[in-house]
N, C-alpha and C. Protein backbone atom coordinates (compact mmCIF):
# COMPACT_ATOMS: atom_id res chain seq x y z
N MET A 1 26.97 -89.53 -95.20
CA MET A 1 26.92 -88.09 -95.15
C MET A 1 25.68 -87.63 -94.39
N LYS A 2 24.57 -88.38 -94.53
CA LYS A 2 23.35 -88.03 -93.82
C LYS A 2 23.57 -88.08 -92.31
N LYS A 3 24.29 -89.13 -91.84
CA LYS A 3 24.58 -89.26 -90.41
C LYS A 3 25.46 -88.12 -89.94
N LEU A 4 26.42 -87.72 -90.76
CA LEU A 4 27.32 -86.63 -90.42
C LEU A 4 26.55 -85.32 -90.25
N LEU A 5 25.66 -85.03 -91.20
CA LEU A 5 24.87 -83.81 -91.11
C LEU A 5 23.92 -83.85 -89.92
N THR A 6 23.37 -85.03 -89.64
CA THR A 6 22.50 -85.18 -88.48
C THR A 6 23.27 -84.92 -87.19
N ALA A 7 24.49 -85.44 -87.10
CA ALA A 7 25.32 -85.23 -85.90
C ALA A 7 25.65 -83.76 -85.71
N VAL A 8 25.99 -83.07 -86.80
CA VAL A 8 26.32 -81.65 -86.71
C VAL A 8 25.08 -80.84 -86.33
N ALA A 9 23.93 -81.17 -86.92
CA ALA A 9 22.70 -80.46 -86.58
C ALA A 9 22.32 -80.68 -85.12
N ALA A 10 22.49 -81.90 -84.63
CA ALA A 10 22.19 -82.19 -83.23
C ALA A 10 23.11 -81.42 -82.30
N LEU A 11 24.38 -81.31 -82.67
CA LEU A 11 25.33 -80.55 -81.86
C LEU A 11 24.92 -79.08 -81.81
N ALA A 12 24.58 -78.51 -82.95
CA ALA A 12 24.19 -77.10 -82.99
C ALA A 12 22.92 -76.85 -82.18
N LEU A 13 21.95 -77.74 -82.32
CA LEU A 13 20.71 -77.59 -81.57
C LEU A 13 20.95 -77.72 -80.08
N SER A 14 21.71 -78.72 -79.68
CA SER A 14 22.00 -78.92 -78.27
C SER A 14 22.75 -77.74 -77.68
N ALA A 15 23.70 -77.20 -78.42
CA ALA A 15 24.47 -76.06 -77.93
C ALA A 15 23.59 -74.83 -77.78
N SER A 16 22.65 -74.64 -78.71
CA SER A 16 21.81 -73.46 -78.63
C SER A 16 20.78 -73.56 -77.52
N LEU A 17 20.36 -74.77 -77.17
CA LEU A 17 19.37 -74.94 -76.12
C LEU A 17 19.99 -75.01 -74.74
N GLY A 18 21.26 -75.33 -74.69
CA GLY A 18 21.92 -75.49 -73.39
C GLY A 18 21.67 -76.88 -72.84
N VAL A 19 22.32 -77.19 -71.77
CA VAL A 19 22.18 -78.48 -71.14
C VAL A 19 21.21 -78.33 -69.98
N SER A 20 20.17 -79.13 -69.97
CA SER A 20 19.21 -79.02 -68.88
C SER A 20 19.75 -79.70 -67.63
N THR A 21 19.45 -79.11 -66.51
CA THR A 21 19.89 -79.67 -65.25
C THR A 21 18.68 -79.89 -64.37
N ALA A 22 18.45 -81.12 -63.98
CA ALA A 22 17.27 -81.45 -63.21
C ALA A 22 17.55 -81.41 -61.71
N ALA A 23 18.72 -81.84 -61.31
CA ALA A 23 19.01 -81.91 -59.88
C ALA A 23 20.51 -81.73 -59.68
N ALA A 24 20.90 -81.43 -58.47
CA ALA A 24 22.31 -81.22 -58.15
C ALA A 24 22.99 -82.56 -57.95
N GLU A 25 23.23 -83.25 -59.04
CA GLU A 25 23.90 -84.54 -58.99
C GLU A 25 24.59 -84.79 -60.31
N ASN A 26 25.48 -85.74 -60.32
CA ASN A 26 26.15 -86.15 -61.54
C ASN A 26 25.44 -87.37 -62.11
N ARG A 27 25.38 -87.45 -63.43
CA ARG A 27 24.72 -88.58 -64.09
C ARG A 27 25.68 -89.21 -65.09
N THR A 28 25.69 -90.52 -65.11
CA THR A 28 26.53 -91.26 -66.06
C THR A 28 25.72 -92.41 -66.65
N ARG A 29 25.82 -92.62 -67.96
CA ARG A 29 25.19 -93.75 -68.62
C ARG A 29 26.19 -94.33 -69.61
N ILE A 30 26.47 -95.61 -69.53
CA ILE A 30 27.39 -96.26 -70.45
C ILE A 30 26.69 -97.49 -71.03
N ASN A 31 26.60 -97.60 -72.35
CA ASN A 31 26.07 -98.78 -73.03
C ASN A 31 27.18 -99.32 -73.92
N GLN A 32 27.40 -100.60 -73.90
CA GLN A 32 28.40 -101.21 -74.78
C GLN A 32 27.82 -102.46 -75.41
N SER A 33 28.18 -102.72 -76.65
CA SER A 33 27.83 -103.97 -77.30
C SER A 33 29.06 -104.47 -78.04
N GLY A 34 28.98 -105.62 -78.61
CA GLY A 34 30.17 -106.20 -79.24
C GLY A 34 31.07 -106.80 -78.19
N TYR A 35 32.37 -106.79 -78.41
CA TYR A 35 33.31 -107.35 -77.44
C TYR A 35 34.60 -106.55 -77.41
N ASP A 36 35.34 -106.72 -76.31
CA ASP A 36 36.62 -106.04 -76.09
C ASP A 36 36.49 -104.51 -76.06
N ASN A 37 35.36 -104.00 -75.59
CA ASN A 37 35.18 -102.57 -75.44
C ASN A 37 35.50 -102.18 -74.00
N GLY A 38 36.06 -100.99 -73.80
CA GLY A 38 36.35 -100.49 -72.47
C GLY A 38 35.91 -99.04 -72.36
N ALA A 39 35.28 -98.71 -71.23
CA ALA A 39 34.83 -97.34 -71.02
C ALA A 39 34.95 -96.97 -69.55
N ALA A 40 35.27 -95.70 -69.30
CA ALA A 40 35.35 -95.19 -67.94
C ALA A 40 34.83 -93.77 -67.92
N ALA A 41 34.12 -93.42 -66.85
CA ALA A 41 33.63 -92.05 -66.66
C ALA A 41 33.86 -91.67 -65.20
N VAL A 42 34.54 -90.55 -64.99
CA VAL A 42 34.82 -90.04 -63.65
C VAL A 42 34.31 -88.61 -63.60
N GLN A 43 33.50 -88.31 -62.56
CA GLN A 43 32.94 -86.97 -62.43
C GLN A 43 33.05 -86.49 -60.99
N ASN A 44 33.54 -85.27 -60.83
CA ASN A 44 33.61 -84.62 -59.53
C ASN A 44 32.93 -83.27 -59.65
N GLY A 45 32.15 -82.91 -58.66
CA GLY A 45 31.43 -81.64 -58.70
C GLY A 45 29.95 -81.90 -58.72
N ASP A 46 29.18 -80.98 -59.29
CA ASP A 46 27.73 -81.09 -59.33
C ASP A 46 27.20 -80.88 -60.74
N ARG A 47 26.08 -81.54 -61.01
CA ARG A 47 25.31 -81.38 -62.25
C ARG A 47 26.12 -81.66 -63.51
N ASN A 48 27.04 -82.59 -63.44
CA ASN A 48 27.77 -83.03 -64.62
C ASN A 48 27.05 -84.22 -65.22
N GLY A 49 27.11 -84.36 -66.53
CA GLY A 49 26.47 -85.47 -67.21
C GLY A 49 27.39 -86.10 -68.23
N ALA A 50 27.35 -87.43 -68.29
CA ALA A 50 28.17 -88.16 -69.26
C ALA A 50 27.34 -89.29 -69.87
N VAL A 51 27.45 -89.49 -71.17
CA VAL A 51 26.81 -90.60 -71.86
C VAL A 51 27.87 -91.21 -72.77
N VAL A 52 28.08 -92.50 -72.69
CA VAL A 52 29.00 -93.19 -73.58
C VAL A 52 28.25 -94.34 -74.23
N VAL A 53 28.14 -94.37 -75.54
CA VAL A 53 27.49 -95.45 -76.25
C VAL A 53 28.51 -95.98 -77.25
N GLN A 54 28.87 -97.22 -77.14
CA GLN A 54 29.82 -97.82 -78.08
C GLN A 54 29.15 -98.97 -78.79
N GLY A 55 29.67 -99.43 -79.85
CA GLY A 55 29.17 -100.59 -80.57
C GLY A 55 30.35 -101.27 -81.21
N GLY A 56 30.11 -102.26 -81.98
CA GLY A 56 31.23 -102.93 -82.64
C GLY A 56 32.15 -103.58 -81.64
N ARG A 57 33.46 -103.45 -81.90
CA ARG A 57 34.42 -104.12 -81.02
C ARG A 57 35.71 -103.34 -80.90
N GLY A 58 36.37 -103.56 -79.76
CA GLY A 58 37.69 -103.00 -79.55
C GLY A 58 37.74 -101.50 -79.31
N HIS A 59 36.64 -100.92 -78.83
CA HIS A 59 36.61 -99.47 -78.58
C HIS A 59 37.15 -99.16 -77.19
N TYR A 60 37.65 -97.93 -77.06
CA TYR A 60 38.09 -97.41 -75.77
C TYR A 60 37.57 -96.00 -75.63
N SER A 61 36.97 -95.69 -74.49
CA SER A 61 36.55 -94.32 -74.23
C SER A 61 36.77 -93.98 -72.77
N ARG A 62 37.10 -92.69 -72.55
CA ARG A 62 37.36 -92.21 -71.20
C ARG A 62 36.83 -90.79 -71.10
N GLY A 63 36.00 -90.56 -70.09
CA GLY A 63 35.47 -89.24 -69.83
C GLY A 63 35.78 -88.82 -68.41
N VAL A 64 36.38 -87.65 -68.25
CA VAL A 64 36.73 -87.12 -66.93
C VAL A 64 36.21 -85.70 -66.85
N GLN A 65 35.43 -85.41 -65.81
CA GLN A 65 34.89 -84.07 -65.63
C GLN A 65 35.01 -83.65 -64.18
N SER A 66 35.37 -82.39 -63.99
CA SER A 66 35.34 -81.82 -62.65
C SER A 66 34.82 -80.40 -62.77
N GLY A 67 34.00 -80.03 -61.81
CA GLY A 67 33.41 -78.70 -61.84
C GLY A 67 31.91 -78.77 -61.76
N TYR A 68 31.25 -77.89 -62.50
CA TYR A 68 29.81 -77.71 -62.38
C TYR A 68 29.17 -77.64 -63.76
N ASN A 69 28.12 -78.44 -63.95
CA ASN A 69 27.27 -78.36 -65.13
C ASN A 69 28.02 -78.61 -66.44
N ASN A 70 28.92 -79.56 -66.44
CA ASN A 70 29.62 -79.99 -67.66
C ASN A 70 28.88 -81.18 -68.25
N TYR A 71 28.95 -81.34 -69.57
CA TYR A 71 28.26 -82.44 -70.24
C TYR A 71 29.14 -83.00 -71.35
N LEU A 72 29.23 -84.31 -71.42
CA LEU A 72 29.93 -84.95 -72.53
C LEU A 72 29.14 -86.14 -73.02
N ARG A 73 29.26 -86.43 -74.29
CA ARG A 73 28.63 -87.59 -74.90
C ARG A 73 29.58 -88.13 -75.94
N MET A 74 29.83 -89.42 -75.94
CA MET A 74 30.68 -90.05 -76.93
C MET A 74 29.93 -91.23 -77.54
N ASP A 75 29.83 -91.32 -78.83
CA ASP A 75 29.24 -92.46 -79.53
C ASP A 75 30.30 -93.05 -80.45
N GLN A 76 30.48 -94.31 -80.43
CA GLN A 76 31.44 -94.94 -81.33
C GLN A 76 30.81 -96.20 -81.93
N TYR A 77 30.99 -96.40 -83.20
CA TYR A 77 30.53 -97.60 -83.88
C TYR A 77 31.71 -98.12 -84.68
N GLY A 78 31.62 -99.25 -85.27
CA GLY A 78 32.73 -99.76 -86.07
C GLY A 78 33.71 -100.56 -85.23
N THR A 79 35.02 -100.34 -85.46
CA THR A 79 36.06 -101.18 -84.86
C THR A 79 37.24 -100.35 -84.39
N ARG A 80 37.71 -100.62 -83.18
CA ARG A 80 38.94 -100.06 -82.59
C ARG A 80 39.01 -98.52 -82.62
N ASN A 81 37.92 -97.89 -82.22
CA ASN A 81 37.91 -96.43 -82.11
C ASN A 81 38.25 -96.02 -80.69
N SER A 82 38.81 -94.83 -80.55
CA SER A 82 39.22 -94.33 -79.24
C SER A 82 38.74 -92.90 -79.06
N ALA A 83 38.11 -92.63 -77.90
CA ALA A 83 37.66 -91.27 -77.60
C ALA A 83 37.98 -90.95 -76.15
N ALA A 84 38.56 -89.78 -75.92
CA ALA A 84 38.86 -89.33 -74.57
C ALA A 84 38.46 -87.86 -74.44
N THR A 85 37.70 -87.56 -73.39
CA THR A 85 37.28 -86.19 -73.14
C THR A 85 37.56 -85.84 -71.69
N THR A 86 38.22 -84.70 -71.48
CA THR A 86 38.47 -84.18 -70.14
C THR A 86 37.97 -82.74 -70.10
N GLN A 87 37.13 -82.45 -69.11
CA GLN A 87 36.59 -81.10 -68.95
C GLN A 87 36.74 -80.67 -67.50
N ARG A 88 37.25 -79.45 -67.33
CA ARG A 88 37.41 -78.86 -66.00
C ARG A 88 36.82 -77.45 -66.04
N GLY A 89 35.97 -77.14 -65.09
CA GLY A 89 35.38 -75.82 -65.03
C GLY A 89 33.87 -75.91 -64.96
N GLU A 90 33.21 -74.96 -65.63
CA GLU A 90 31.76 -74.88 -65.58
C GLU A 90 31.16 -74.71 -66.97
N ASN A 91 30.00 -75.34 -67.15
CA ASN A 91 29.19 -75.19 -68.36
C ASN A 91 29.94 -75.51 -69.64
N ASN A 92 30.81 -76.50 -69.61
CA ASN A 92 31.48 -76.96 -70.82
C ASN A 92 30.67 -78.10 -71.43
N TYR A 93 30.71 -78.20 -72.76
CA TYR A 93 29.87 -79.14 -73.49
C TYR A 93 30.71 -79.79 -74.59
N SER A 94 30.70 -81.12 -74.64
CA SER A 94 31.48 -81.82 -75.66
C SER A 94 30.68 -82.98 -76.24
N VAL A 95 30.72 -83.14 -77.56
CA VAL A 95 30.07 -84.25 -78.24
C VAL A 95 31.08 -84.88 -79.19
N THR A 96 31.18 -86.19 -79.17
CA THR A 96 32.04 -86.92 -80.11
C THR A 96 31.22 -88.04 -80.74
N ALA A 97 31.18 -88.15 -82.04
CA ALA A 97 30.48 -89.24 -82.73
C ALA A 97 31.43 -89.80 -83.78
N GLN A 98 31.74 -91.05 -83.71
CA GLN A 98 32.67 -91.65 -84.66
C GLN A 98 32.05 -92.90 -85.26
N GLU A 99 32.37 -93.17 -86.50
CA GLU A 99 31.93 -94.40 -87.15
C GLU A 99 33.02 -94.83 -88.12
N GLY A 100 33.41 -96.06 -88.10
CA GLY A 100 34.47 -96.55 -88.97
C GLY A 100 35.49 -97.34 -88.17
N ARG A 101 36.75 -97.25 -88.59
CA ARG A 101 37.81 -98.03 -87.94
C ARG A 101 38.99 -97.14 -87.59
N ARG A 102 39.59 -97.45 -86.43
CA ARG A 102 40.81 -96.77 -85.98
C ARG A 102 40.67 -95.25 -85.97
N LEU A 103 39.55 -94.76 -85.48
CA LEU A 103 39.32 -93.33 -85.35
C LEU A 103 39.68 -92.91 -83.93
N ARG A 104 40.32 -91.76 -83.80
CA ARG A 104 40.73 -91.27 -82.47
C ARG A 104 40.31 -89.82 -82.31
N SER A 105 39.71 -89.54 -81.16
CA SER A 105 39.30 -88.18 -80.83
C SER A 105 39.70 -87.88 -79.39
N ASP A 106 40.42 -86.78 -79.18
CA ASP A 106 40.81 -86.33 -77.85
C ASP A 106 40.35 -84.89 -77.68
N THR A 107 39.62 -84.64 -76.59
CA THR A 107 39.12 -83.30 -76.30
C THR A 107 39.51 -82.92 -74.88
N LEU A 108 40.08 -81.73 -74.74
CA LEU A 108 40.41 -81.17 -73.43
C LEU A 108 39.85 -79.76 -73.38
N GLN A 109 38.99 -79.51 -72.39
CA GLN A 109 38.43 -78.18 -72.22
C GLN A 109 38.58 -77.75 -70.77
N THR A 110 39.09 -76.54 -70.59
CA THR A 110 39.27 -75.97 -69.27
C THR A 110 38.71 -74.56 -69.29
N GLY A 111 37.87 -74.25 -68.33
CA GLY A 111 37.32 -72.90 -68.27
C GLY A 111 35.82 -72.91 -68.14
N TYR A 112 35.17 -71.98 -68.84
CA TYR A 112 33.75 -71.75 -68.68
C TYR A 112 33.08 -71.60 -70.05
N GLY A 113 32.00 -72.36 -70.27
CA GLY A 113 31.17 -72.18 -71.45
C GLY A 113 31.79 -72.59 -72.77
N ASN A 114 32.74 -73.50 -72.76
CA ASN A 114 33.36 -73.97 -74.00
C ASN A 114 32.52 -75.08 -74.62
N ILE A 115 32.51 -75.12 -75.96
CA ILE A 115 31.76 -76.13 -76.71
C ILE A 115 32.69 -76.77 -77.72
N ALA A 116 32.72 -78.11 -77.74
CA ALA A 116 33.54 -78.84 -78.73
C ALA A 116 32.71 -79.95 -79.34
N GLY A 117 32.82 -80.11 -80.65
CA GLY A 117 32.14 -81.19 -81.34
C GLY A 117 33.05 -81.83 -82.36
N VAL A 118 33.02 -83.15 -82.43
CA VAL A 118 33.81 -83.90 -83.41
C VAL A 118 32.91 -84.93 -84.08
N ALA A 119 32.93 -85.00 -85.41
CA ALA A 119 32.22 -86.02 -86.16
C ALA A 119 33.20 -86.61 -87.16
N GLN A 120 33.41 -87.92 -87.10
CA GLN A 120 34.35 -88.58 -88.00
C GLN A 120 33.70 -89.82 -88.61
N ILE A 121 33.89 -89.96 -89.92
CA ILE A 121 33.42 -91.13 -90.64
C ILE A 121 34.55 -91.59 -91.55
N GLY A 122 34.85 -92.87 -91.53
CA GLY A 122 35.91 -93.41 -92.38
C GLY A 122 36.89 -94.21 -91.57
N ASP A 123 38.15 -94.18 -91.97
CA ASP A 123 39.19 -94.97 -91.32
C ASP A 123 40.42 -94.12 -91.02
N GLY A 124 40.99 -94.34 -89.84
CA GLY A 124 42.30 -93.80 -89.51
C GLY A 124 42.39 -92.30 -89.26
N HIS A 125 41.32 -91.64 -88.84
CA HIS A 125 41.37 -90.21 -88.55
C HIS A 125 41.84 -89.95 -87.12
N THR A 126 42.41 -88.77 -86.92
CA THR A 126 42.74 -88.28 -85.58
C THR A 126 42.25 -86.85 -85.46
N ALA A 127 41.50 -86.57 -84.38
CA ALA A 127 41.01 -85.22 -84.11
C ALA A 127 41.37 -84.86 -82.68
N VAL A 128 42.04 -83.72 -82.50
CA VAL A 128 42.44 -83.25 -81.18
C VAL A 128 41.92 -81.84 -80.99
N THR A 129 41.18 -81.61 -79.91
CA THR A 129 40.67 -80.29 -79.56
C THR A 129 41.15 -79.94 -78.16
N ASP A 130 41.76 -78.77 -78.02
CA ASP A 130 42.26 -78.29 -76.73
C ASP A 130 41.83 -76.84 -76.58
N GLN A 131 40.90 -76.59 -75.66
CA GLN A 131 40.39 -75.24 -75.45
C GLN A 131 40.55 -74.84 -73.99
N ASP A 132 41.02 -73.63 -73.78
CA ASP A 132 41.23 -73.11 -72.44
C ASP A 132 40.74 -71.67 -72.42
N GLY A 133 39.76 -71.39 -71.59
CA GLY A 133 39.26 -70.03 -71.50
C GLY A 133 37.76 -69.98 -71.34
N VAL A 134 37.14 -68.99 -72.00
CA VAL A 134 35.72 -68.73 -71.83
C VAL A 134 35.03 -68.65 -73.18
N ASP A 135 33.93 -69.36 -73.32
CA ASP A 135 33.05 -69.27 -74.49
C ASP A 135 33.77 -69.53 -75.82
N ASN A 136 34.64 -70.51 -75.85
CA ASN A 136 35.28 -70.93 -77.10
C ASN A 136 34.45 -72.04 -77.73
N THR A 137 34.44 -72.10 -79.07
CA THR A 137 33.67 -73.10 -79.80
C THR A 137 34.54 -73.72 -80.88
N SER A 138 34.50 -75.04 -80.97
CA SER A 138 35.28 -75.74 -81.98
C SER A 138 34.48 -76.90 -82.56
N ALA A 139 34.55 -77.08 -83.88
CA ALA A 139 33.92 -78.21 -84.55
C ALA A 139 34.91 -78.81 -85.53
N ILE A 140 35.05 -80.13 -85.50
CA ILE A 140 35.90 -80.85 -86.45
C ILE A 140 35.04 -81.92 -87.11
N ILE A 141 35.04 -81.92 -88.45
CA ILE A 141 34.32 -82.92 -89.23
C ILE A 141 35.32 -83.52 -90.21
N GLN A 142 35.44 -84.84 -90.19
CA GLN A 142 36.38 -85.51 -91.10
C GLN A 142 35.72 -86.73 -91.72
N SER A 143 35.95 -86.91 -93.03
CA SER A 143 35.46 -88.10 -93.72
C SER A 143 36.54 -88.60 -94.66
N GLY A 144 36.39 -89.82 -95.09
CA GLY A 144 37.41 -90.44 -95.95
C GLY A 144 38.34 -91.28 -95.12
N ASN A 145 39.62 -91.21 -95.42
CA ASN A 145 40.62 -91.99 -94.69
C ASN A 145 41.85 -91.16 -94.37
N GLY A 146 42.36 -91.32 -93.15
CA GLY A 146 43.65 -90.76 -92.79
C GLY A 146 43.72 -89.27 -92.58
N GLN A 147 42.62 -88.63 -92.19
CA GLN A 147 42.65 -87.18 -91.94
C GLN A 147 43.11 -86.91 -90.52
N ASN A 148 43.84 -85.82 -90.32
CA ASN A 148 44.31 -85.42 -89.01
C ASN A 148 44.03 -83.94 -88.81
N ALA A 149 43.45 -83.59 -87.64
CA ALA A 149 43.19 -82.19 -87.33
C ALA A 149 43.50 -81.96 -85.86
N GLN A 150 44.11 -80.80 -85.60
CA GLN A 150 44.41 -80.41 -84.23
C GLN A 150 44.07 -78.94 -84.06
N VAL A 151 43.24 -78.64 -83.04
CA VAL A 151 42.82 -77.27 -82.75
C VAL A 151 43.24 -76.93 -81.34
N ARG A 152 43.88 -75.77 -81.18
CA ARG A 152 44.27 -75.27 -79.85
C ARG A 152 43.79 -73.83 -79.75
N GLN A 153 42.88 -73.57 -78.79
CA GLN A 153 42.35 -72.22 -78.61
C GLN A 153 42.45 -71.84 -77.14
N SER A 154 42.86 -70.59 -76.89
CA SER A 154 42.86 -70.08 -75.53
C SER A 154 42.38 -68.65 -75.56
N GLY A 155 41.83 -68.21 -74.45
CA GLY A 155 41.27 -66.87 -74.39
C GLY A 155 39.77 -66.92 -74.33
N ALA A 156 39.11 -65.97 -74.97
CA ALA A 156 37.66 -65.87 -74.91
C ALA A 156 37.05 -65.66 -76.29
N GLY A 157 35.95 -66.36 -76.54
CA GLY A 157 35.15 -66.14 -77.74
C GLY A 157 35.75 -66.62 -79.04
N ASN A 158 36.69 -67.53 -79.00
CA ASN A 158 37.29 -68.06 -80.23
C ASN A 158 36.35 -69.07 -80.88
N ILE A 159 36.37 -69.13 -82.22
CA ILE A 159 35.56 -70.08 -82.98
C ILE A 159 36.45 -70.72 -84.03
N SER A 160 36.40 -72.05 -84.11
CA SER A 160 37.12 -72.75 -85.19
C SER A 160 36.23 -73.82 -85.78
N VAL A 161 36.35 -73.99 -87.10
CA VAL A 161 35.63 -75.05 -87.82
C VAL A 161 36.63 -75.68 -88.77
N VAL A 162 36.78 -76.99 -88.67
CA VAL A 162 37.65 -77.74 -89.57
C VAL A 162 36.81 -78.80 -90.26
N ILE A 163 36.81 -78.79 -91.60
CA ILE A 163 36.10 -79.80 -92.37
C ILE A 163 37.08 -80.37 -93.37
N GLN A 164 37.29 -81.68 -93.29
CA GLN A 164 38.25 -82.34 -94.17
C GLN A 164 37.64 -83.61 -94.74
N GLY A 165 37.98 -83.91 -95.97
CA GLY A 165 37.56 -85.14 -96.61
C GLY A 165 38.61 -85.58 -97.59
N GLY A 166 38.60 -86.85 -97.91
CA GLY A 166 39.55 -87.37 -98.87
C GLY A 166 40.23 -88.60 -98.36
N TYR A 167 41.29 -88.99 -99.07
CA TYR A 167 42.00 -90.23 -98.75
C TYR A 167 43.48 -89.94 -98.73
N GLU A 168 44.17 -90.61 -97.80
CA GLU A 168 45.62 -90.37 -97.69
C GLU A 168 46.36 -90.92 -98.86
């Protein structure tokens, strides 16, 4: 629970401070440990940033960004977790942190100034975030086993928060 609260606090702080941009270039950092992990990051445009940190084994992550000043970060620990983030537009921000087994997170953001955060702890969760528009914010937090959440927002200024816990 402490890690979950730390992840949520970090997301809120990062969102309120904005993403710093040092130069007109794209930056990618991928660290992997364990075995049978796969990661890919594709960026088109300027000032996009991606960080992928995996651990354990059997993880898959994919980050795709096009546009200007988009940022994504995915952290996975445990076993056989999957994270995919696609962002198109400008100033979109996404954070995914997972720990456990067979956790899946998919994020799609199109537009300007959208923020998405997912934190999952446990086994067998699925979190899907799909935002299209301007200045939309979504947070999904799941703990326990077998939780599923799907958020779809379009337009401007929408806010959603999903918090789930328990066992299937």
